[in-house]
Structure formats: C-alpha cells, structure tokens
Amino acid sequence: MKRENRITSILYLVASVSFFISSIFWFIDKSSLAITNLCLGACFLCLSSVYYTKDKKSRQAETEEYKRS
C-alpha cells in the first residue's frame, strides 16, 4: 500500500503541474478556460498532498512497528 500511495501522489503532482502550465497558455490567449484549468490544478495539488500525507503516516507507523519488534 505504501508504494501505491507514493506513486499516486507523484501522478497527482504531475497532473497538477500540467493543469497549471495549460492555464498559463489559456491566460495568454485570454480564454475563459484558464480559470477552469487553474482550479483543476489546485484540486489535483490538494489530492497530491492528501496522498503524500497518507504515505508519510503509513511509513511512520511501519517504523514504529519495526522499533517495537
């Protein structure tokens, strides 16, 4: 489960950067889709943070369990 959370976090981060880059291009063209892409980028950034935190907590739990053994 740990590796899946890490990979998911990285993929959400890549998607977030892609949306931010595309929103920059839409802002240059003065299109209304820029705001949509900006919001999607922020949402994917939040999702990346959630999965990163989940991965971090699972790693800490495994470390504590290993120390107890």
N, C-alpha and C. Protein backbone atom coordinates (compact mmCIF):
# COMPACT_ATOMS: atom_id res chain seq x y z
N MET A 1 0.83 -1.20 0.00
CA MET A 1 0.00 0.00 0.00
C MET A 1 0.87 1.26 0.00
N LYS A 2 2.02 1.17 0.63
CA LYS A 2 2.88 2.34 0.74
C LYS A 2 3.33 2.82 -0.63
N ARG A 3 3.76 1.91 -1.47
CA ARG A 3 4.26 2.28 -2.79
C ARG A 3 3.15 2.86 -3.65
N GLU A 4 1.95 2.33 -3.53
CA GLU A 4 0.82 2.83 -4.32
C GLU A 4 0.50 4.27 -3.96
N ASN A 5 0.55 4.60 -2.68
CA ASN A 5 0.29 5.98 -2.26
C ASN A 5 1.35 6.93 -2.78
N ARG A 6 2.59 6.49 -2.79
CA ARG A 6 3.67 7.33 -3.27
C ARG A 6 3.53 7.60 -4.77
N ILE A 7 3.22 6.55 -5.53
CA ILE A 7 3.05 6.69 -6.98
C ILE A 7 1.84 7.58 -7.28
N THR A 8 0.75 7.37 -6.56
CA THR A 8 -0.45 8.18 -6.76
C THR A 8 -0.17 9.65 -6.46
N SER A 9 0.58 9.90 -5.41
CA SER A 9 0.93 11.27 -5.05
C SER A 9 1.74 11.94 -6.15
N ILE A 10 2.69 11.22 -6.69
CA ILE A 10 3.54 11.78 -7.76
C ILE A 10 2.71 12.05 -9.02
N LEU A 11 1.81 11.12 -9.36
CA LEU A 11 0.99 11.32 -10.56
C LEU A 11 0.03 12.50 -10.41
N TYR A 12 -0.54 12.67 -9.22
CA TYR A 12 -1.40 13.84 -8.99
C TYR A 12 -0.59 15.12 -9.08
N LEU A 13 0.65 15.09 -8.62
CA LEU A 13 1.50 16.27 -8.70
C LEU A 13 1.83 16.61 -10.15
N VAL A 14 2.11 15.60 -10.95
CA VAL A 14 2.39 15.82 -12.38
C VAL A 14 1.16 16.38 -13.09
N ALA A 15 -0.01 15.84 -12.78
CA ALA A 15 -1.25 16.35 -13.38
C ALA A 15 -1.49 17.80 -12.97
N SER A 16 -1.19 18.11 -11.72
CA SER A 16 -1.37 19.48 -11.23
C SER A 16 -0.48 20.44 -11.99
N VAL A 17 0.77 20.09 -12.17
CA VAL A 17 1.70 20.95 -12.91
C VAL A 17 1.22 21.12 -14.36
N SER A 18 0.72 20.04 -14.94
CA SER A 18 0.21 20.12 -16.32
C SER A 18 -0.96 21.08 -16.43
N PHE A 19 -1.87 21.02 -15.46
CA PHE A 19 -3.01 21.95 -15.49
C PHE A 19 -2.55 23.38 -15.29
N PHE A 20 -1.57 23.61 -14.42
CA PHE A 20 -1.07 24.97 -14.21
C PHE A 20 -0.40 25.51 -15.48
N ILE A 21 0.36 24.67 -16.15
CA ILE A 21 1.01 25.11 -17.39
C ILE A 21 -0.03 25.42 -18.47
N SER A 22 -1.04 24.54 -18.58
CA SER A 22 -2.07 24.80 -19.60
C SER A 22 -2.88 26.06 -19.26
N SER A 23 -3.06 26.33 -17.96
CA SER A 23 -3.79 27.56 -17.61
C SER A 23 -2.98 28.80 -17.97
N ILE A 24 -1.66 28.71 -17.88
CA ILE A 24 -0.82 29.84 -18.31
C ILE A 24 -1.02 30.11 -19.79
N PHE A 25 -1.05 29.04 -20.60
CA PHE A 25 -1.27 29.22 -22.03
C PHE A 25 -2.65 29.79 -22.31
N TRP A 26 -3.66 29.36 -21.56
CA TRP A 26 -5.01 29.88 -21.76
C TRP A 26 -5.10 31.34 -21.32
N PHE A 27 -4.35 31.73 -20.27
CA PHE A 27 -4.34 33.13 -19.86
C PHE A 27 -3.71 34.00 -20.94
N ILE A 28 -2.68 33.50 -21.59
CA ILE A 28 -2.03 34.24 -22.67
C ILE A 28 -3.01 34.46 -23.82
N ASP A 29 -3.83 33.44 -24.12
CA ASP A 29 -4.83 33.56 -25.19
C ASP A 29 -6.09 34.29 -24.75
N LYS A 30 -6.14 34.67 -23.47
CA LYS A 30 -7.30 35.38 -22.90
C LYS A 30 -8.59 34.58 -23.05
N SER A 31 -8.50 33.31 -22.70
CA SER A 31 -9.66 32.43 -22.78
C SER A 31 -10.24 32.19 -21.38
N SER A 32 -11.52 31.88 -21.33
CA SER A 32 -12.16 31.65 -20.04
C SER A 32 -11.82 30.27 -19.47
N LEU A 33 -11.24 29.40 -20.26
CA LEU A 33 -10.85 28.08 -19.77
C LEU A 33 -9.65 28.14 -18.83
N ALA A 34 -8.99 29.27 -18.77
CA ALA A 34 -7.82 29.41 -17.90
C ALA A 34 -8.20 29.25 -16.45
N ILE A 35 -9.33 29.80 -16.05
CA ILE A 35 -9.78 29.70 -14.67
C ILE A 35 -10.11 28.25 -14.32
N THR A 36 -10.74 27.55 -15.25
CA THR A 36 -11.08 26.14 -15.03
C THR A 36 -9.82 25.30 -14.83
N ASN A 37 -8.83 25.51 -15.69
CA ASN A 37 -7.58 24.76 -15.56
C ASN A 37 -6.84 25.13 -14.29
N LEU A 38 -6.92 26.38 -13.89
CA LEU A 38 -6.28 26.81 -12.65
C LEU A 38 -6.93 26.12 -11.45
N CYS A 39 -8.25 26.05 -11.45
CA CYS A 39 -8.96 25.37 -10.35
C CYS A 39 -8.66 23.87 -10.34
N LEU A 40 -8.61 23.26 -11.51
CA LEU A 40 -8.29 21.84 -11.57
C LEU A 40 -6.87 21.58 -11.08
N GLY A 41 -5.96 22.46 -11.42
CA GLY A 41 -4.58 22.31 -10.94
C GLY A 41 -4.51 22.39 -9.43
N ALA A 42 -5.27 23.31 -8.85
CA ALA A 42 -5.30 23.43 -7.39
C ALA A 42 -5.91 22.20 -6.74
N CYS A 43 -6.96 21.66 -7.34
CA CYS A 43 -7.59 20.44 -6.79
C CYS A 43 -6.63 19.26 -6.83
N PHE A 44 -5.95 19.10 -7.94
CA PHE A 44 -5.01 17.99 -8.05
C PHE A 44 -3.82 18.18 -7.10
N LEU A 45 -3.43 19.42 -6.85
CA LEU A 45 -2.38 19.69 -5.88
C LEU A 45 -2.82 19.27 -4.48
N CYS A 46 -4.06 19.56 -4.14
CA CYS A 46 -4.60 19.14 -2.84
C CYS A 46 -4.66 17.61 -2.73
N LEU A 47 -5.09 16.95 -3.79
CA LEU A 47 -5.12 15.49 -3.78
C LEU A 47 -3.73 14.90 -3.62
N SER A 48 -2.75 15.51 -4.25
CA SER A 48 -1.38 15.06 -4.10
C SER A 48 -0.93 15.19 -2.65
N SER A 49 -1.30 16.26 -2.02
CA SER A 49 -0.94 16.47 -0.61
C SER A 49 -1.59 15.42 0.29
N VAL A 50 -2.83 15.09 0.00
CA VAL A 50 -3.54 14.08 0.81
C VAL A 50 -2.84 12.72 0.70
N TYR A 51 -2.51 12.30 -0.49
CA TYR A 51 -1.86 11.00 -0.66
C TYR A 51 -0.44 11.01 -0.11
N TYR A 52 0.25 12.14 -0.20
CA TYR A 52 1.59 12.23 0.38
C TYR A 52 1.52 12.09 1.90
N THR A 53 0.54 12.74 2.51
CA THR A 53 0.37 12.65 3.96
C THR A 53 0.02 11.23 4.38
N LYS A 54 -0.85 10.58 3.59
CA LYS A 54 -1.23 9.21 3.88
C LYS A 54 0.00 8.29 3.81
N ASP A 55 0.83 8.50 2.80
CA ASP A 55 2.05 7.71 2.65
C ASP A 55 3.01 7.97 3.80
N LYS A 56 3.13 9.21 4.20
CA LYS A 56 4.03 9.57 5.29
C LYS A 56 3.58 8.92 6.60
N LYS A 57 2.27 8.94 6.88
CA LYS A 57 1.75 8.33 8.10
C LYS A 57 1.95 6.82 8.09
N SER A 58 1.77 6.18 6.95
CA SER A 58 1.96 4.73 6.89
C SER A 58 3.43 4.36 7.08
N ARG A 59 4.33 5.19 6.56
CA ARG A 59 5.76 4.93 6.78
C ARG A 59 6.13 5.10 8.25
N GLN A 60 5.55 6.11 8.92
CA GLN A 60 5.83 6.30 10.34
C GLN A 60 5.28 5.14 11.16
N ALA A 61 4.11 4.65 10.80
CA ALA A 61 3.53 3.51 11.53
C ALA A 61 4.39 2.27 11.35
N GLU A 62 4.90 2.05 10.15
CA GLU A 62 5.77 0.89 9.92
C GLU A 62 7.07 1.02 10.70
N THR A 63 7.61 2.23 10.78
CA THR A 63 8.85 2.46 11.53
C THR A 63 8.63 2.20 13.02
N GLU A 64 7.52 2.67 13.56
CA GLU A 64 7.23 2.44 14.97
C GLU A 64 7.00 0.96 15.25
N GLU A 65 6.34 0.27 14.32
CA GLU A 65 6.11 -1.16 14.49
C GLU A 65 7.43 -1.92 14.44
N TYR A 66 8.33 -1.48 13.57
CA TYR A 66 9.64 -2.13 13.46
C TYR A 66 10.45 -1.91 14.73
N LYS A 67 10.37 -0.72 15.32
CA LYS A 67 11.11 -0.42 16.54
C LYS A 67 10.61 -1.24 17.71
N ARG A 68 9.31 -1.55 17.75
CA ARG A 68 8.75 -2.35 18.83
C ARG A 68 9.20 -3.79 18.77
N SER A 69 9.50 -4.27 17.58
CA SER A 69 9.89 -5.68 17.43
C SER A 69 11.27 -5.97 17.90
